[in-house]
C-alpha atoms as a PDB file:
ATOM      1  CA  MET A   1       0.018  -0.267   0.497  1.00  0.00           C
ATOM      2  CA  LYS A   2       1.042   3.234  -0.810  1.00  0.00           C
ATOM      3  CA  ILE A   3       0.942   5.836   1.748  1.00  0.00           C
ATOM      4  CA  ASP A   4      -0.029   9.406   0.995  1.00  0.00           C
ATOM      5  CA  TRP A   5       1.889  11.091   4.024  1.00  0.00           C
ATOM      6  CA  THR A   6       0.532  14.632   2.484  1.00  0.00           C
ATOM      7  CA  ILE A   7      -2.679  14.344   4.147  1.00  0.00           C
ATOM      8  CA  TYR A   8      -1.210  14.070   7.920  1.00  0.00           C
ATOM      9  CA  THR A   9       0.671  17.937   9.148  1.00  0.00           C
ATOM     10  CA  PRO A  10       4.778  17.209   9.844  1.00  0.00           C
ATOM     11  CA  PHE A  11       4.254  16.282  13.307  1.00  0.00           C
ATOM     12  CA  GLN A  12       1.500  13.296  12.452  1.00  0.00           C
ATOM     13  CA  GLN A  13       3.834  12.188  10.060  1.00  0.00           C
ATOM     14  CA  ARG A  14       6.712  12.094  12.623  1.00  0.00           C
ATOM     15  CA  VAL A  15       4.631  10.216  14.560  1.00  0.00           C
ATOM     16  CA  LEU A  16       3.582   7.622  11.900  1.00  0.00           C
ATOM     17  CA  LYS A  17       6.831   7.265  10.540  1.00  0.00           C
ATOM     18  CA  LEU A  18       8.208   6.610  13.565  1.00  0.00           C
ATOM     19  CA  ILE A  19       5.983   3.449  14.686  1.00  0.00           C
ATOM     20  CA  GLN A  20       6.631   1.918  10.945  1.00  0.00           C
ATOM     21  CA  HIS A  21      10.199   1.101  12.913  1.00  0.00           C
ATOM     22  CA  ILE A  22       8.211  -1.001  16.033  1.00  0.00           C
ATOM     23  CA  PRO A  23       9.044  -4.815  15.470  1.00  0.00           C
ATOM     24  CA  ARG A  24       6.361  -6.949  15.216  1.00  0.00           C
ATOM     25  CA  GLY A  25       5.444  -8.545  18.669  1.00  0.00           C
ATOM     26  CA  GLN A  26       7.047  -5.490  20.831  1.00  0.00           C
ATOM     27  CA  VAL A  27       4.601  -2.464  21.937  1.00  0.00           C
ATOM     28  CA  TRP A  28       5.939   1.011  22.792  1.00  0.00           C
ATOM     29  CA  THR A  29       4.046   3.416  24.756  1.00  0.00           C
ATOM     30  CA  TYR A  30       2.716   6.713  24.045  1.00  0.00           C
ATOM     31  CA  LYS A  31       5.359   8.299  26.403  1.00  0.00           C
ATOM     32  CA  GLN A  32       8.264   6.285  24.886  1.00  0.00           C
ATOM     33  CA  VAL A  33       7.181   6.898  21.121  1.00  0.00           C
ATOM     34  CA  ALA A  34       7.263  11.031  22.375  1.00  0.00           C
ATOM     35  CA  ALA A  35      10.769  10.540  24.008  1.00  0.00           C
ATOM     36  CA  ARG A  36      11.448   9.488  20.853  1.00  0.00           C
ATOM     37  CA  LEU A  37      10.613  12.270  19.100  1.00  0.00           C
ATOM     38  CA  GLY A  38      12.584  14.440  22.179  1.00  0.00           C
ATOM     39  CA  ASN A  39       9.952  15.057  24.192  1.00  0.00           C
ATOM     40  CA  PRO A  40       7.998  12.912  26.406  1.00  0.00           C
ATOM     41  CA  LYS A  41       5.121  15.457  27.857  1.00  0.00           C
ATOM     42  CA  LEU A  42       3.771  15.102  24.152  1.00  0.00           C
ATOM     43  CA  ALA A  43       2.574  11.545  24.927  1.00  0.00           C
ATOM     44  CA  ARG A  44      -1.230  12.491  24.236  1.00  0.00           C
ATOM     45  CA  ALA A  45      -0.153  14.735  21.281  1.00  0.00           C
ATOM     46  CA  VAL A  46       1.041  10.957  20.254  1.00  0.00           C
ATOM     47  CA  GLY A  47      -2.192   9.852  21.074  1.00  0.00           C
ATOM     48  CA  GLY A  48      -3.917  12.501  18.616  1.00  0.00           C
ATOM     49  CA  ALA A  49      -1.586  11.474  15.881  1.00  0.00           C
ATOM     50  CA  LEU A  50      -2.513   8.068  15.811  1.00  0.00           C
ATOM     51  CA  LYS A  51      -6.272   8.380  16.050  1.00  0.00           C
ATOM     52  CA  ILE A  52      -6.518  10.113  12.442  1.00  0.00           C
ATOM     53  CA  ASN A  53      -4.544   7.444  11.101  1.00  0.00           C
ATOM     54  CA  ARG A  54      -5.550   6.352   8.200  1.00  0.00           C
ATOM     55  CA  HIS A  55      -3.286   3.755   7.093  1.00  0.00           C
ATOM     56  CA  ALA A  56      -3.544   0.739  10.040  1.00  0.00           C
ATOM     57  CA  PRO A  57      -2.966  -1.244  10.550  1.00  0.00           C
ATOM     58  CA  GLU A  58       0.136  -0.860   7.732  1.00  0.00           C
ATOM     59  CA  VAL A  59       1.370   2.056   9.849  1.00  0.00           C
ATOM     60  CA  PRO A  60       1.019  -0.238  12.665  1.00  0.00           C
ATOM     61  CA  CYS A  61      -0.460   2.493  15.933  1.00  0.00           C
ATOM     62  CA  HIS A  62      -1.573  -0.680  17.125  1.00  0.00           C
ATOM     63  CA  ARG A  63       1.566  -1.198  18.823  1.00  0.00           C
ATOM     64  CA  VAL A  64       1.408   1.601  20.861  1.00  0.00           C
ATOM     65  CA  VAL A  65       0.287   1.334  23.995  1.00  0.00           C
ATOM     66  CA  ALA A  66      -0.764   2.955  27.286  1.00  0.00           C
ATOM     67  CA  SER A  67       1.478   2.774  30.412  1.00  0.00           C
ATOM     68  CA  ASN A  68      -1.380   1.265  32.285  1.00  0.00           C
ATOM     69  CA  GLY A  69      -3.098  -0.996  29.958  1.00  0.00           C
ATOM     70  CA  LEU A  70      -3.939  -0.954  25.855  1.00  0.00           C
ATOM     71  CA  GLY A  71      -4.950   2.673  25.772  1.00  0.00           C
ATOM     72  CA  GLY A  72      -7.319   3.550  22.567  1.00  0.00           C
ATOM     73  CA  TYR A  73      -7.736   2.194  18.924  1.00  0.00           C
ATOM     74  CA  SER A  74      -9.882   4.353  16.710  1.00  0.00           C
ATOM     75  CA  ALA A  75      -9.587   1.497  13.491  1.00  0.00           C
ATOM     76  CA  LEU A  76     -12.178  -0.249  12.753  1.00  0.00           C
ATOM     77  CA  GLY A  77     -13.340  -2.699  15.465  1.00  0.00           C
ATOM     78  CA  GLY A  78     -11.931  -0.677  18.510  1.00  0.00           C
ATOM     79  CA  LEU A  79     -10.022  -2.113  20.816  1.00  0.00           C
ATOM     80  CA  LYS A  80     -11.048  -5.684  20.296  1.00  0.00           C
ATOM     81  CA  THR A  81      -9.237  -5.439  16.926  1.00  0.00           C
ATOM     82  CA  LYS A  82      -6.197  -4.010  18.772  1.00  0.00           C
ATOM     83  CA  ARG A  83      -5.828  -6.441  21.209  1.00  0.00           C
ATOM     84  CA  LYS A  84      -6.560  -9.389  18.072  1.00  0.00           C
ATOM     85  CA  LEU A  85      -3.700  -7.846  16.389  1.00  0.00           C
ATOM     86  CA  LEU A  86      -1.505  -8.084  19.952  1.00  0.00           C
ATOM     87  CA  ILE A  87      -2.751 -11.786  20.060  1.00  0.00           C
ATOM     88  CA  LYS A  88      -1.512 -12.450  16.251  1.00  0.00           C
ATOM     89  CA  GLU A  89       1.258 -10.673  16.610  1.00  0.00           C
ATOM     90  CA  GLY A  90       2.308 -12.974  19.839  1.00  0.00           C
ATOM     91  CA  TYR A  91       2.639  -9.595  22.108  1.00  0.00           C
ATOM     92  CA  PHE A  92       0.868 -11.246  24.672  1.00  0.00           C
ATOM     93  CA  SER A  93      -1.234 -14.750  24.639  1.00  0.00           C
ATOM     94  CA  ILE A  94      -5.143 -14.459  25.196  1.00  0.00           C
ATOM     95  CA  ASN A  95      -4.136 -16.350  28.573  1.00  0.00           C
ATOM     96  CA  ASN A  96      -2.224 -13.667  29.704  1.00  0.00           C
ATOM     97  CA  ASN A  97      -4.613 -10.850  30.698  1.00  0.00           C
ATOM     98  CA  GLN A  98      -2.143  -9.146  32.700  1.00  0.00           C
ATOM     99  CA  LYS A  99      -0.853  -7.255  29.629  1.00  0.00           C
ATOM    100  CA  SER A 100      -4.161  -6.920  27.986  1.00  0.00           C
ATOM    101  CA  LYS A 101      -5.656  -4.196  30.571  1.00  0.00           C
END
């Protein structure tokens, strides 16, 4: 899939391009993404950028989670889809509820 980056602001582009480097089966928190962008206080702004991601799951916003659980997921199916994608990628098993809050 060819991604039209021009539909995003420069900040959104930075966020979405960065999360493409999260390896399959791993997650980063919103704060970790913000820190990699140079300012951990931008965690909410990172969430806002992920919320408008029109290229999920090719741009894997499902691999970004809250510090205390899964966080949100605005793509089709919401958190149920996010959980399924993470299970499929091996991040956690169906029986490991600790990570799936």
